[in-house]
Amino acid sequence: FAIHYFVPLPMVTILGRAKINLTLDVLGLRDDGYHEIATVMQSLALADTLILTRQEEEITLRVDLPGLEADERNLAHRAAALIQKECGLRGGVHIDITKRIPVAAGLAGGSADAAATLRGMNELYTLGLSDDELCALGAQLGSDIPFSLMGGTVLATGRGERLHRLADFPATVVLLAKPPVSVSTPWAYRSYDEHSSVFHPDNASFMDALEHGDRDRCVRLMANVLEPVTEAAHPVIADYRARMRAHGALCAMMSGSGPTMFGLFAEEQAAADAAEIFRKETDAAVHLTHTIGSDGEQQKSRRN
């Protein structure tokens, strides 16, 4: 018989993908204080790059964005610490993060970094954890982390940790525009509780349209029940939506609790033209990207 020796890698480079919510429904308040949700989430090509380098015991972190915490408050740092604890791992890691996903934008940038760290640590130290095991660890840190580990097009229920893979959303160009306002996720959900929406997305019909590859029908069924809540406090949401539609977006909607608005475009040139107009006429942080399917690179890393 053969004996296989698994040598830890010295370095791993991995991407943490942004996400948008194609649908988002809030079904009520749970006994644990979280909200029960049903949301179809979608990975984007827009990504942070993380380089994980093995070191003795310590966890250290560098982020290229001034003002963003680079200590135990950072989800990536907490993810590495959780792996150490749960796996009895003595080795440490230095995490170097190049940020491209806007912060506090409803795009799960922090969750993406944590997910990439979990997957990166698993490869760096050849721990052999399955996707299910990684998702269970991620759920301890944040509701969006299991999705960030899975990627693609996914129905998330519970508080966001129960995942069901769906047919890939048809490849589509996505324009992101984050206005210069801050939205607290707990505030958005509390406000929703006070003024519950009378309109809810039809997730079943959306998933049927998705199964048939009918993007036009999917677009008609997209809805986010938190959008009216955030829009009431920040009218710029309505302004960005109108601008995107006026410049050819198939639809324009808020991601998560906001404040980022996204527009789906059939043609890359139309999206690029709209992006240029947003950069000239608004104070938005603008990104042009596209959807990523279940076979995308979000679960792949580069070994060094």
Protein backbone atom coordinates (compact mmCIF):
# COMPACT_ATOMS: atom_id res chain seq x y z
CA PHE A 1 0.00 0.00 0.00
CA ALA A 2 1.02 3.60 -0.49
CA ILE A 3 1.53 6.16 2.23
CA HIS A 4 0.57 9.71 1.22
CA TYR A 5 2.13 12.68 2.94
CA PHE A 6 0.31 15.99 2.67
CA VAL A 7 2.66 18.94 2.97
CA PRO A 8 1.08 22.29 3.92
CA LEU A 9 1.31 24.91 1.20
CA PRO A 10 3.42 28.02 1.80
CA MET A 11 0.91 30.39 0.18
CA VAL A 12 -2.56 30.45 -1.37
CA THR A 13 -4.22 33.18 -3.43
CA ILE A 14 -8.02 33.12 -3.45
CA LEU A 15 -10.90 35.38 -4.48
CA GLY A 16 -13.83 36.54 -2.36
CA ARG A 17 -16.77 37.30 -4.67
CA ALA A 18 -19.38 40.02 -4.24
CA LYS A 19 -23.07 39.08 -4.31
CA ILE A 20 -26.40 40.64 -5.16
CA ASN A 21 -29.90 39.59 -4.11
CA LEU A 22 -32.11 38.84 -7.09
CA THR A 23 -35.04 38.42 -4.71
CA LEU A 24 -35.28 39.14 -0.99
CA ASP A 25 -38.27 38.34 1.19
CA VAL A 26 -38.56 38.74 4.96
CA LEU A 27 -40.91 36.17 6.49
CA GLY A 28 -40.89 37.22 10.13
CA LEU A 29 -38.86 37.46 13.32
CA ARG A 30 -37.39 34.23 14.70
CA ASP A 31 -37.11 33.20 18.34
CA ASP A 32 -33.33 33.67 18.17
CA GLY A 33 -33.72 37.35 17.24
CA TYR A 34 -32.81 36.87 13.57
CA HIS A 35 -35.28 37.31 10.72
CA GLU A 36 -36.51 34.41 8.66
CA ILE A 37 -35.71 35.20 5.04
CA ALA A 38 -36.01 33.68 1.60
CA THR A 39 -33.62 35.17 -0.93
CA VAL A 40 -32.12 34.22 -4.26
CA MET A 41 -28.48 35.26 -4.16
CA GLN A 42 -26.11 35.64 -7.09
CA SER A 43 -22.31 35.73 -7.29
CA LEU A 44 -20.53 38.43 -9.25
CA ALA A 45 -17.15 38.58 -10.93
CA LEU A 46 -16.25 41.59 -8.76
CA ALA A 47 -13.97 40.21 -6.07
CA ASP A 48 -11.46 40.96 -3.34
CA THR A 49 -8.12 39.16 -3.65
CA LEU A 50 -6.73 37.44 -0.56
CA ILE A 51 -3.19 36.07 -0.27
CA LEU A 52 -2.77 33.72 2.69
CA THR A 53 0.79 32.98 3.78
CA ARG A 54 1.64 30.35 6.37
CA GLN A 55 3.46 31.55 9.48
CA GLU A 56 4.24 30.16 12.93
CA GLU A 57 1.22 30.78 15.18
CA GLU A 58 0.02 34.35 14.92
CA ILE A 59 -2.82 35.62 12.74
CA THR A 60 -1.94 38.91 11.08
CA LEU A 61 -3.87 40.91 8.54
CA ARG A 62 -3.18 43.70 6.08
CA VAL A 63 -5.92 45.49 4.16
CA ASP A 64 -5.17 48.00 1.43
CA LEU A 65 -8.19 50.15 2.31
CA PRO A 66 -7.38 52.88 4.88
CA GLY A 67 -9.75 52.90 7.83
CA LEU A 68 -10.86 49.30 7.49
CA GLU A 69 -10.06 47.31 10.62
CA ALA A 70 -7.21 44.83 10.28
CA ASP A 71 -7.52 43.05 13.62
CA GLU A 72 -9.92 40.74 15.50
CA ARG A 73 -12.86 42.89 14.39
CA ASN A 74 -12.30 41.87 10.77
CA LEU A 75 -14.34 38.84 9.65
CA ALA A 76 -11.36 37.36 7.80
CA HIS A 77 -9.29 37.44 10.99
CA ARG A 78 -12.15 35.84 12.91
CA ALA A 79 -12.51 33.15 10.26
CA ALA A 80 -8.83 32.22 10.56
CA ALA A 81 -9.11 32.13 14.35
CA LEU A 82 -12.17 29.87 14.12
CA ILE A 83 -10.31 27.43 11.86
CA GLN A 84 -7.41 27.37 14.33
CA LYS A 85 -9.74 26.64 17.23
CA GLU A 86 -12.01 24.07 15.57
CA CYS A 87 -9.18 22.15 13.89
CA GLY A 88 -6.67 22.38 16.72
CA LEU A 89 -4.33 24.11 14.31
CA ARG A 90 -1.08 25.45 15.73
CA GLY A 91 0.06 27.17 12.56
CA GLY A 92 -0.77 30.79 11.90
CA VAL A 93 -1.41 32.86 8.81
CA HIS A 94 -0.79 36.29 7.36
CA ILE A 95 -3.74 37.50 5.27
CA ASP A 96 -3.20 40.22 2.70
CA ILE A 97 -6.48 41.63 1.34
CA THR A 98 -6.83 43.77 -1.75
CA LYS A 99 -10.30 45.30 -1.55
CA ARG A 100 -12.41 45.87 -4.64
CA ILE A 101 -15.88 45.21 -3.21
CA PRO A 102 -17.32 48.40 -1.68
CA VAL A 103 -17.60 48.30 2.11
CA ALA A 104 -20.99 48.37 3.90
CA ALA A 105 -22.72 48.20 0.54
CA GLY A 106 -25.11 45.22 0.73
CA LEU A 107 -22.67 43.20 -1.41
CA ALA A 108 -21.33 40.87 1.34
CA GLY A 109 -17.73 42.07 1.02
CA GLY A 110 -16.83 41.12 4.59
CA SER A 111 -18.55 37.75 4.26
CA ALA A 112 -16.74 37.11 0.98
CA ASP A 113 -13.39 37.73 2.68
CA ALA A 114 -14.30 35.43 5.57
CA ALA A 115 -15.41 32.69 3.17
CA ALA A 116 -12.21 33.02 1.16
CA THR A 117 -10.19 32.80 4.37
CA LEU A 118 -11.97 29.60 5.45
CA ARG A 119 -11.40 28.00 2.06
CA GLY A 120 -7.85 29.33 1.88
CA MET A 121 -6.92 28.01 5.33
CA ASN A 122 -8.39 24.63 4.37
CA GLU A 123 -6.03 24.50 1.38
CA LEU A 124 -3.06 26.16 3.06
CA TYR A 125 -2.96 23.49 5.77
CA THR A 126 -4.57 20.65 3.71
CA LEU A 127 -7.21 20.21 6.42
CA GLY A 128 -9.58 18.23 4.19
CA LEU A 129 -12.74 20.00 5.36
CA SER A 130 -15.75 19.44 3.10
CA ASP A 131 -17.86 22.28 1.70
CA ASP A 132 -20.60 21.39 4.21
CA GLU A 133 -18.12 21.60 7.08
CA LEU A 134 -16.79 24.93 5.85
CA CYS A 135 -20.35 26.27 5.52
CA ALA A 136 -21.15 25.15 9.08
CA LEU A 137 -18.12 27.06 10.33
CA GLY A 138 -19.04 30.09 8.25
CA ALA A 139 -22.58 30.14 9.67
CA GLN A 140 -21.07 30.69 13.12
CA LEU A 141 -19.64 34.00 11.92
CA GLY A 142 -22.27 35.44 9.58
CA SER A 143 -25.42 34.57 7.65
CA ASP A 144 -23.97 35.39 4.20
CA ILE A 145 -20.76 33.40 4.61
CA PRO A 146 -22.17 29.97 3.64
CA PHE A 147 -23.45 31.45 0.38
CA SER A 148 -20.11 33.14 -0.24
CA LEU A 149 -18.50 29.71 0.09
CA MET A 150 -20.96 28.07 -2.30
CA GLY A 151 -21.34 30.81 -4.93
CA GLY A 152 -23.36 30.75 -8.14
CA THR A 153 -27.15 31.17 -7.94
CA VAL A 154 -28.62 29.95 -4.66
CA LEU A 155 -31.86 30.09 -2.67
CA ALA A 156 -30.99 30.96 0.93
CA THR A 157 -33.55 30.44 3.70
CA GLY A 158 -33.56 30.41 7.49
CA ARG A 159 -31.42 33.35 8.47
CA GLY A 160 -29.53 32.83 5.23
CA GLU A 161 -27.55 29.73 6.17
CA ARG A 162 -29.79 27.07 4.57
CA LEU A 163 -28.80 26.86 0.93
CA HIS A 164 -30.30 25.23 -2.14
CA ARG A 165 -28.37 25.47 -5.39
CA LEU A 166 -30.42 26.68 -8.35
CA ALA A 167 -29.93 26.71 -12.08
CA ASP A 168 -27.45 29.42 -13.01
CA PHE A 169 -28.91 32.83 -13.75
CA PRO A 170 -28.22 33.57 -17.43
CA ALA A 171 -24.92 35.39 -17.97
CA THR A 172 -25.67 39.09 -17.55
CA VAL A 173 -23.74 42.36 -17.31
CA VAL A 174 -24.22 44.10 -13.95
CA LEU A 175 -23.77 47.78 -13.13
CA LEU A 176 -23.26 48.56 -9.44
CA ALA A 177 -23.72 52.05 -8.03
CA LYS A 178 -23.22 52.67 -4.30
CA PRO A 179 -24.39 56.10 -3.15
CA PRO A 180 -22.37 57.89 -0.44
CA VAL A 181 -24.78 56.98 2.37
CA SER A 182 -24.63 54.39 5.13
CA VAL A 183 -27.38 51.88 5.90
CA SER A 184 -27.41 49.79 9.07
CA THR A 185 -28.71 46.28 8.37
CA PRO A 186 -30.31 45.97 11.85
CA TRP A 187 -32.00 49.34 11.29
CA ALA A 188 -33.37 48.20 7.92
CA TYR A 189 -34.90 45.05 9.41
CA ARG A 190 -36.35 46.92 12.40
CA SER A 191 -37.88 49.48 10.06
CA TYR A 192 -39.32 46.69 7.94
CA ASP A 193 -40.94 45.16 11.05
CA GLU A 194 -42.65 48.49 11.71
CA HIS A 195 -43.89 48.89 8.12
CA SER A 196 -44.12 45.40 6.63
CA SER A 197 -44.38 45.25 2.86
CA VAL A 198 -47.67 44.18 1.32
CA PHE A 199 -45.76 42.95 -1.72
CA HIS A 200 -43.57 39.88 -1.57
CA PRO A 201 -41.46 38.28 -4.31
CA ASP A 202 -42.80 35.06 -5.81
CA ASN A 203 -39.71 32.93 -5.29
CA ALA A 204 -41.37 29.78 -6.61
CA SER A 205 -42.19 31.42 -9.93
CA PHE A 206 -38.75 33.00 -10.07
CA MET A 207 -37.08 29.61 -9.64
CA ASP A 208 -39.33 28.12 -12.31
CA ALA A 209 -38.30 30.87 -14.72
CA LEU A 210 -34.68 30.27 -13.77
CA GLU A 211 -35.03 26.56 -14.48
CA HIS A 212 -36.30 27.40 -17.97
CA GLY A 213 -33.53 29.94 -18.59
CA ASP A 214 -36.11 32.70 -19.01
CA ARG A 215 -34.22 35.83 -18.01
CA ASP A 216 -36.99 38.21 -19.05
CA ARG A 217 -39.46 36.48 -16.75
CA CYS A 218 -36.90 36.39 -13.94
CA VAL A 219 -36.41 40.13 -14.31
CA ARG A 220 -40.15 40.76 -14.03
CA LEU A 221 -40.28 38.70 -10.82
CA MET A 222 -37.33 40.30 -9.04
CA ALA A 223 -38.15 42.19 -5.84
CA ASN A 224 -36.57 43.23 -2.54
CA VAL A 225 -38.94 43.97 0.35
CA LEU A 226 -36.27 46.05 2.13
CA GLU A 227 -35.91 48.47 -0.78
CA PRO A 228 -38.91 50.67 0.09
CA VAL A 229 -37.63 50.92 3.68
CA THR A 230 -34.19 52.14 2.66
CA GLU A 231 -35.58 54.32 -0.12
CA ALA A 232 -37.85 56.17 2.32
CA ALA A 233 -34.79 57.23 4.30
CA HIS A 234 -32.51 57.72 1.29
CA PRO A 235 -34.34 59.05 -1.81
CA VAL A 236 -31.11 58.63 -3.81
CA ILE A 237 -32.16 54.97 -4.17
CA ALA A 238 -35.13 56.01 -6.32
CA ASP A 239 -32.93 58.41 -8.29
CA TYR A 240 -30.37 55.71 -9.12
CA ARG A 241 -33.10 53.25 -10.08
CA ALA A 242 -34.66 55.76 -12.48
CA ARG A 243 -31.28 56.60 -13.99
CA MET A 244 -30.44 52.94 -14.62
CA ARG A 245 -33.78 52.25 -16.24
CA ALA A 246 -33.50 55.37 -18.36
CA HIS A 247 -30.16 54.15 -19.69
CA GLY A 248 -31.32 50.71 -20.72
CA ALA A 249 -31.24 48.47 -17.65
CA LEU A 250 -33.49 45.43 -17.87
CA CYS A 251 -34.20 46.09 -14.21
CA ALA A 252 -32.71 48.11 -11.36
CA MET A 253 -32.94 47.04 -7.74
CA MET A 254 -31.25 47.42 -4.37
CA SER A 255 -29.03 44.62 -3.08
CA GLY A 256 -29.62 43.40 0.49
CA SER A 257 -30.38 46.21 2.89
CA GLY A 258 -28.51 48.58 0.60
CA PRO A 259 -27.50 51.11 -0.26
CA THR A 260 -25.98 49.70 -3.47
CA MET A 261 -28.26 49.68 -6.51
CA PHE A 262 -27.60 47.25 -9.33
CA GLY A 263 -28.79 47.28 -12.90
CA LEU A 264 -28.91 44.23 -15.17
CA PHE A 265 -28.05 44.91 -18.81
CA ALA A 266 -28.44 42.76 -21.91
CA GLU A 267 -25.57 44.52 -23.71
CA GLU A 268 -22.12 45.28 -22.31
CA GLN A 269 -21.82 48.55 -24.26
CA ALA A 270 -25.08 49.88 -22.85
CA ALA A 271 -23.89 49.04 -19.34
CA ALA A 272 -20.52 50.71 -19.98
CA ASP A 273 -22.26 53.85 -21.27
CA ALA A 274 -24.52 53.92 -18.20
CA ALA A 275 -21.51 53.45 -15.91
CA GLU A 276 -19.75 56.41 -17.50
CA ILE A 277 -22.83 58.58 -17.02
CA PHE A 278 -23.09 57.55 -13.36
CA ARG A 279 -19.43 58.45 -12.83
CA LYS A 280 -19.94 61.89 -14.39
CA GLU A 281 -23.33 62.80 -12.94
CA THR A 282 -23.44 61.21 -9.47
CA ASP A 283 -21.28 60.67 -6.40
CA ALA A 284 -21.70 56.91 -6.64
CA ALA A 285 -18.94 54.35 -6.35
CA VAL A 286 -19.42 52.62 -9.72
CA HIS A 287 -18.40 49.10 -10.75
CA LEU A 288 -19.10 47.23 -13.96
CA THR A 289 -19.12 43.46 -13.54
CA HIS A 290 -21.08 40.35 -14.51
CA THR A 291 -22.76 37.32 -12.99
CA ILE A 292 -20.76 34.18 -12.17
CA GLY A 293 -22.21 30.68 -12.45
CA SER A 294 -21.77 27.65 -10.23
CA ASP A 295 -18.67 26.61 -12.17
CA GLY A 296 -17.05 30.01 -11.65
CA GLU A 297 -13.76 30.74 -9.99
CA GLN A 298 -15.18 31.60 -6.58
CA GLN A 299 -14.24 28.16 -5.25
CA LYS A 300 -10.85 27.99 -6.89
CA SER A 301 -7.52 29.27 -5.63
CA ARG A 302 -4.05 29.54 -7.00
CA ARG A 303 -1.29 27.67 -5.22
CA ASN A 304 2.16 29.19 -4.93
